Amino acid sequence: MTREQVYGRRAVREALRGRREVLELWATERAVAAEPWLRDNGRRVSVKPERELTDAAQTRDHQGVVAWVEPYRYADAYELAAVDRPLLVCLDQVSDPHNLGAVVRTGEAAGTTGVVLPAHGGARVTPAVARASAGAVEHLPIAVVTNLARYLAEIKRGDLWAVGAAEDAPRSMWKTDLSGGVALVLGAEGKGLRPLVRRTCDELVSIPTEGTVRSLNVSVAAAVLIYEAKRQRTRSG
């Protein structure tokens, strides 16, 4: 069976709670002693020296826990958009796995509908992304589309708008209605949204800043926009 790797204590713990079958589980003696869930999850844990986990994971960032799991199951992007009043986060060629992981972690915590990624030019779900998301990839639907601009054009409707984040947008998020169905679209740091993706958006919004540094990390920008949308939804009932 084809299998993938997950490492890091929280990432592995969420994999055990998630949809994927955990096929093999390794942990150091120290991790087993410190984490009761490693002893009480109903699975056999192979206790290994730390160097073996480091060799297997090809990183020291494993926190003493490595698991092999079923391949990641991506969601259907069109099914995500078809739900009532969806709150989607679409990332346009965001390639840094830590940024993707952070966006997924925020999106899962905030109760968003899911994250949509382009098939080319951006990060996908990897062990590093699972680790950065603290295991949130196991619970939040993530979909991949061949062409992000085309996808946005096809899902837009009267009750679902595509709203792109742009530093130079004249309208701030505070003056934009994000209370309905919305696909928040964010581009990669330094590049922003690609021209066609930008033109496909119904509206462009900016996040007000007052400091000398006028731009935000993409995962921070996503978090701010997600929670502004959640705030507006709460107020609108």
Protein backbone atom coordinates (compact mmCIF):
# COMPACT_ATOMS: atom_id res chain seq x y z
CA MET A 1 0.00 0.00 0.00
CA THR A 2 1.20 3.50 -0.83
CA ARG A 3 1.75 5.42 2.36
CA GLU A 4 2.78 8.86 3.55
CA GLN A 5 4.57 10.11 6.61
CA VAL A 6 3.44 12.38 9.42
CA TYR A 7 5.74 13.59 12.17
CA GLY A 8 5.46 15.81 15.24
CA ARG A 9 3.43 15.09 18.36
CA ARG A 10 0.33 17.13 17.57
CA ALA A 11 0.34 16.18 13.88
CA VAL A 12 0.50 12.46 14.69
CA ARG A 13 -2.09 12.75 17.45
CA GLU A 14 -4.54 14.38 15.04
CA ALA A 15 -3.76 11.75 12.40
CA LEU A 16 -4.86 9.11 14.92
CA ARG A 17 -8.11 11.08 15.39
CA GLY A 18 -8.61 11.83 11.69
CA ARG A 19 -9.94 10.07 8.60
CA ARG A 20 -6.73 8.37 7.48
CA GLU A 21 -5.66 4.95 8.72
CA VAL A 22 -2.40 5.01 10.66
CA LEU A 23 -0.34 2.09 9.39
CA GLU A 24 2.75 2.29 11.59
CA LEU A 25 3.74 4.36 14.60
CA TRP A 26 7.23 5.02 15.97
CA ALA A 27 8.13 6.99 19.07
CA THR A 28 11.10 7.54 21.33
CA GLU A 29 11.04 6.27 24.90
CA ARG A 30 10.94 9.89 26.11
CA ALA A 31 7.91 10.72 23.93
CA VAL A 32 6.01 7.63 25.12
CA ALA A 33 6.66 8.60 28.74
CA ALA A 34 5.56 12.20 28.18
CA GLU A 35 2.46 11.63 26.01
CA PRO A 36 -0.29 9.41 27.50
CA TRP A 37 -2.10 9.23 24.15
CA LEU A 38 0.82 7.30 22.71
CA ARG A 39 0.22 4.59 25.30
CA ASP A 40 -3.57 4.67 25.21
CA ASN A 41 -4.49 4.96 21.52
CA GLY A 42 -5.10 1.26 20.96
CA ARG A 43 -2.22 0.89 18.54
CA ARG A 44 1.16 -0.76 18.92
CA VAL A 45 3.94 1.80 19.22
CA SER A 46 7.43 0.80 18.12
CA VAL A 47 9.91 2.40 20.52
CA LYS A 48 12.95 3.56 18.57
CA PRO A 49 16.12 5.59 19.25
CA GLU A 50 15.81 9.24 18.27
CA ARG A 51 18.41 8.89 15.51
CA GLU A 52 16.22 6.31 13.74
CA LEU A 53 13.29 8.71 13.75
CA THR A 54 15.53 11.50 12.48
CA ASP A 55 16.78 9.28 9.65
CA ALA A 56 13.24 8.20 8.76
CA ALA A 57 11.78 11.70 8.82
CA GLN A 58 14.88 13.37 7.32
CA THR A 59 14.51 16.11 9.93
CA ARG A 60 15.06 16.63 13.64
CA ASP A 61 11.69 18.37 13.85
CA HIS A 62 9.81 15.14 14.61
CA GLN A 63 9.50 15.69 18.40
CA GLY A 64 10.08 12.00 18.98
CA VAL A 65 7.02 10.76 17.04
CA VAL A 66 6.74 9.53 13.43
CA ALA A 67 3.80 7.76 11.79
CA TRP A 68 3.06 6.27 8.39
CA VAL A 69 -0.48 6.81 7.19
CA GLU A 70 -2.72 6.36 4.18
CA PRO A 71 -2.23 8.92 1.37
CA TYR A 72 -3.93 12.26 1.97
CA ARG A 73 -7.49 12.40 0.65
CA TYR A 74 -8.17 15.72 -1.08
CA ALA A 75 -11.71 17.06 -1.11
CA ASP A 76 -13.79 18.03 -4.15
CA ALA A 77 -13.45 21.80 -4.60
CA TYR A 78 -16.85 22.15 -6.27
CA GLU A 79 -18.61 20.30 -3.47
CA LEU A 80 -17.03 22.70 -0.99
CA ALA A 81 -18.38 25.66 -2.95
CA ALA A 82 -21.86 24.12 -3.25
CA VAL A 83 -22.69 24.25 0.47
CA ASP A 84 -24.85 27.01 1.90
CA ARG A 85 -22.90 30.22 2.55
CA PRO A 86 -19.42 28.71 2.24
CA LEU A 87 -16.31 30.36 3.64
CA LEU A 88 -13.45 29.22 1.44
CA VAL A 89 -9.78 30.16 1.52
CA CYS A 90 -8.11 29.99 -1.90
CA LEU A 91 -4.32 30.28 -2.01
CA ASP A 92 -2.75 31.38 -5.28
CA GLN A 93 0.66 29.68 -5.55
CA VAL A 94 1.58 29.92 -1.87
CA SER A 95 4.63 27.67 -1.88
CA ASP A 96 5.92 27.86 1.69
CA PRO A 97 4.75 24.77 3.61
CA HIS A 98 4.77 26.63 6.92
CA ASN A 99 2.47 29.30 5.52
CA LEU A 100 0.10 26.70 4.12
CA GLY A 101 0.12 24.82 7.41
CA ALA A 102 -0.59 28.00 9.37
CA VAL A 103 -3.51 28.91 7.09
CA VAL A 104 -5.00 25.43 7.46
CA ARG A 105 -4.61 25.58 11.24
CA THR A 106 -6.44 28.92 11.41
CA GLY A 107 -9.08 27.81 8.94
CA GLU A 108 -9.85 24.67 10.92
CA ALA A 109 -9.97 26.54 14.22
CA ALA A 110 -12.32 29.17 12.76
CA GLY A 111 -14.65 26.63 11.17
CA THR A 112 -14.08 27.56 7.53
CA THR A 113 -15.50 25.33 4.80
CA GLY A 114 -12.12 24.41 3.35
CA VAL A 115 -8.94 25.46 1.57
CA VAL A 116 -8.48 25.37 -2.20
CA LEU A 117 -5.04 25.12 -3.82
CA PRO A 118 -3.89 25.27 -7.45
CA ALA A 119 -2.38 22.10 -8.87
CA HIS A 120 0.81 23.85 -9.98
CA GLY A 121 3.12 26.35 -8.34
CA GLY A 122 1.98 25.99 -4.76
CA ALA A 123 2.52 23.78 -1.74
CA ARG A 124 0.48 20.62 -1.21
CA VAL A 125 -0.11 18.56 1.93
CA THR A 126 3.27 17.17 3.00
CA PRO A 127 4.69 16.03 6.37
CA ALA A 128 6.02 19.57 6.89
CA VAL A 129 2.59 21.07 6.19
CA ALA A 130 0.91 18.59 8.53
CA ARG A 131 3.43 19.50 11.24
CA ALA A 132 2.98 23.25 10.69
CA SER A 133 -0.80 22.88 10.82
CA ALA A 134 -0.60 21.06 14.19
CA GLY A 135 -2.55 18.25 12.54
CA ALA A 136 -5.39 20.45 11.26
CA VAL A 137 -4.92 18.99 7.76
CA GLU A 138 -6.54 15.82 9.10
CA HIS A 139 -9.81 17.63 9.81
CA LEU A 140 -10.20 20.58 7.41
CA PRO A 141 -11.11 19.71 3.80
CA ILE A 142 -8.39 20.72 1.34
CA ALA A 143 -8.99 20.61 -2.40
CA VAL A 144 -6.80 21.03 -5.48
CA VAL A 145 -7.94 22.55 -8.78
CA THR A 146 -6.21 22.58 -12.14
CA ASN A 147 -6.82 26.28 -12.78
CA LEU A 148 -7.65 28.57 -9.87
CA ALA A 149 -8.95 31.47 -11.99
CA ARG A 150 -11.28 29.16 -13.89
CA TYR A 151 -12.47 27.59 -10.66
CA LEU A 152 -13.34 30.99 -9.19
CA ALA A 153 -15.17 31.99 -12.35
CA GLU A 154 -17.22 28.79 -12.27
CA ILE A 155 -18.24 28.87 -8.60
CA LYS A 156 -19.16 32.55 -8.37
CA ARG A 157 -22.85 33.25 -7.97
CA GLY A 158 -25.17 35.77 -6.40
CA ASP A 159 -24.59 34.39 -2.93
CA LEU A 160 -20.91 33.48 -3.34
CA TRP A 161 -18.37 36.18 -4.12
CA ALA A 162 -14.65 35.86 -4.76
CA VAL A 163 -12.82 38.46 -2.68
CA GLY A 164 -9.11 38.91 -3.32
CA ALA A 165 -6.62 40.36 -0.86
CA ALA A 166 -4.46 43.09 -2.39
CA GLU A 167 -2.28 45.64 -0.65
CA ASP A 168 -3.25 48.34 -3.16
CA ALA A 169 -7.00 47.70 -3.05
CA PRO A 170 -8.94 50.94 -2.42
CA ARG A 171 -11.56 49.31 -0.19
CA SER A 172 -10.64 47.96 3.24
CA MET A 173 -12.01 44.72 4.66
CA TRP A 174 -13.94 46.77 7.24
CA LYS A 175 -15.98 48.36 4.45
CA THR A 176 -16.58 45.13 2.55
CA ASP A 177 -19.50 42.78 3.11
CA LEU A 178 -18.00 39.39 3.97
CA SER A 179 -21.09 38.06 5.75
CA GLY A 180 -22.37 35.91 2.88
CA GLY A 181 -20.80 33.11 0.91
CA VAL A 182 -17.24 34.13 0.16
CA ALA A 183 -14.05 32.74 -1.30
CA LEU A 184 -11.12 34.64 0.19
CA VAL A 185 -8.27 34.64 -2.32
CA LEU A 186 -4.69 35.31 -1.22
CA GLY A 187 -1.50 35.32 -3.23
CA ALA A 188 2.06 34.38 -2.46
CA GLU A 189 4.28 36.74 -0.52
CA GLY A 190 6.20 39.12 -2.74
CA LYS A 191 4.07 38.26 -5.78
CA GLY A 192 0.50 38.71 -4.66
CA LEU A 193 -2.33 37.49 -6.84
CA ARG A 194 -1.55 36.58 -10.43
CA PRO A 195 -3.20 38.98 -12.92
CA LEU A 196 -5.86 36.56 -14.18
CA VAL A 197 -6.79 35.42 -10.68
CA ARG A 198 -6.95 39.06 -9.59
CA ARG A 199 -9.25 40.00 -12.50
CA THR A 200 -11.53 37.05 -11.77
CA CYS A 201 -12.24 38.27 -8.24
CA ASP A 202 -15.50 40.16 -7.75
CA GLU A 203 -13.80 42.56 -5.38
CA LEU A 204 -10.36 43.38 -4.00
CA VAL A 205 -9.86 44.35 -0.38
CA SER A 206 -6.96 45.54 1.71
CA ILE A 207 -6.11 45.00 5.36
CA PRO A 208 -5.53 48.40 7.02
CA THR A 209 -1.97 48.87 8.30
CA GLU A 210 -0.36 51.82 10.04
CA GLY A 211 3.27 50.78 10.45
CA THR A 212 6.27 51.34 8.22
CA VAL A 213 6.11 47.76 6.96
CA ARG A 214 2.90 47.79 4.93
CA SER A 215 2.46 44.11 4.15
CA LEU A 216 1.57 41.04 6.21
CA ASN A 217 2.68 37.45 6.03
CA VAL A 218 0.13 35.53 3.95
CA SER A 219 -0.87 33.26 6.83
CA VAL A 220 -1.42 36.29 9.08
CA ALA A 221 -3.40 38.06 6.36
CA ALA A 222 -5.55 34.95 5.90
CA ALA A 223 -6.22 34.78 9.64
CA VAL A 224 -7.25 38.44 9.80
CA LEU A 225 -9.63 38.10 6.84
CA ILE A 226 -11.10 34.81 8.07
CA TYR A 227 -11.93 36.24 11.46
CA GLU A 228 -13.32 39.47 10.00
CA ALA A 229 -15.64 37.32 7.89
CA LYS A 230 -16.58 35.29 10.97
CA ARG A 231 -17.23 38.50 12.92
CA GLN A 232 -19.53 39.83 10.23
CA ARG A 233 -21.37 36.52 10.01
CA THR A 234 -21.95 36.53 13.75
CA ARG A 235 -23.35 40.05 13.63
CA SER A 236 -25.63 39.24 10.70
CA GLY A 237 -26.96 36.13 12.38
